[in-house]
Each structure stands twice: as C-alpha cells, then as structure tokens.
C-alpha cells in the first residue's frame, strides 16, 4: 500500500530527531504539523528539512516516488520527458531513472536547499 507522509505521521509512535550539519536536531514530524501553511512557511520547512528529508521519508515507508516512477514508465514509456513539480531533493527523479526513464527530467521546487541536493 502507498503511504503518504501524513498517513505515516498518524501511525508513528515517535520520530527521532535527525542532526543537521549545523548540529541542531530537526523534528520533521513536529514541523509538518506545527509549521506555517503559507508559501514562505513551506520554503522555511523544506529548507530546514532538506538535509535529512530522504532519511525521514524512507524511515516512514514513503513509497510514492517508486510507485509513481513505475506508473510513468508503464504509461508513458522509457523515452518520456518528465517535469517534476515539487521535486524536493530528487527522490522521484532518482526512481524515474531507476525505473528506466531515458528522457529529460526537469525538477522544480520552492526550496533552494532541496534543489541543491537534487
């Protein structure tokens, strides 16, 4: 079954804080529920979370990048060109290449920190 980060949050008993390069811990689960729901709030959340985002969502069992990539390949074929709007750190792009997409991949995101890791 496909899990979203929100569904994973509901089922998690606790989330460990992940240290960042600055040495401070970022509590992703808390930040998702407590942060500002504005475009600027999204920038702040994902810029702070970028460094540990992949680790967090992998631990939560987030399968959307893999499942989406498999669907794109099966429906559009390996030569498809893909625009990933909200690409974050590039998890979907990675999975698209792994699934066999050979066409151009273009990623767009509001978080410059995430784009720097994509």
Foldseek 3Di string as FASTA:
>chain_A
DADDVVNLLVPDPDDDFDADPVRDTDRLSVLVVPFDPDLVRVQVNLQVCLRCVVVVCVVSVHDVLQVVLLVCCVPPNQADEEEAEQCFLPSNVVNNVVNRRDHHYHYHHSHPNRVVND
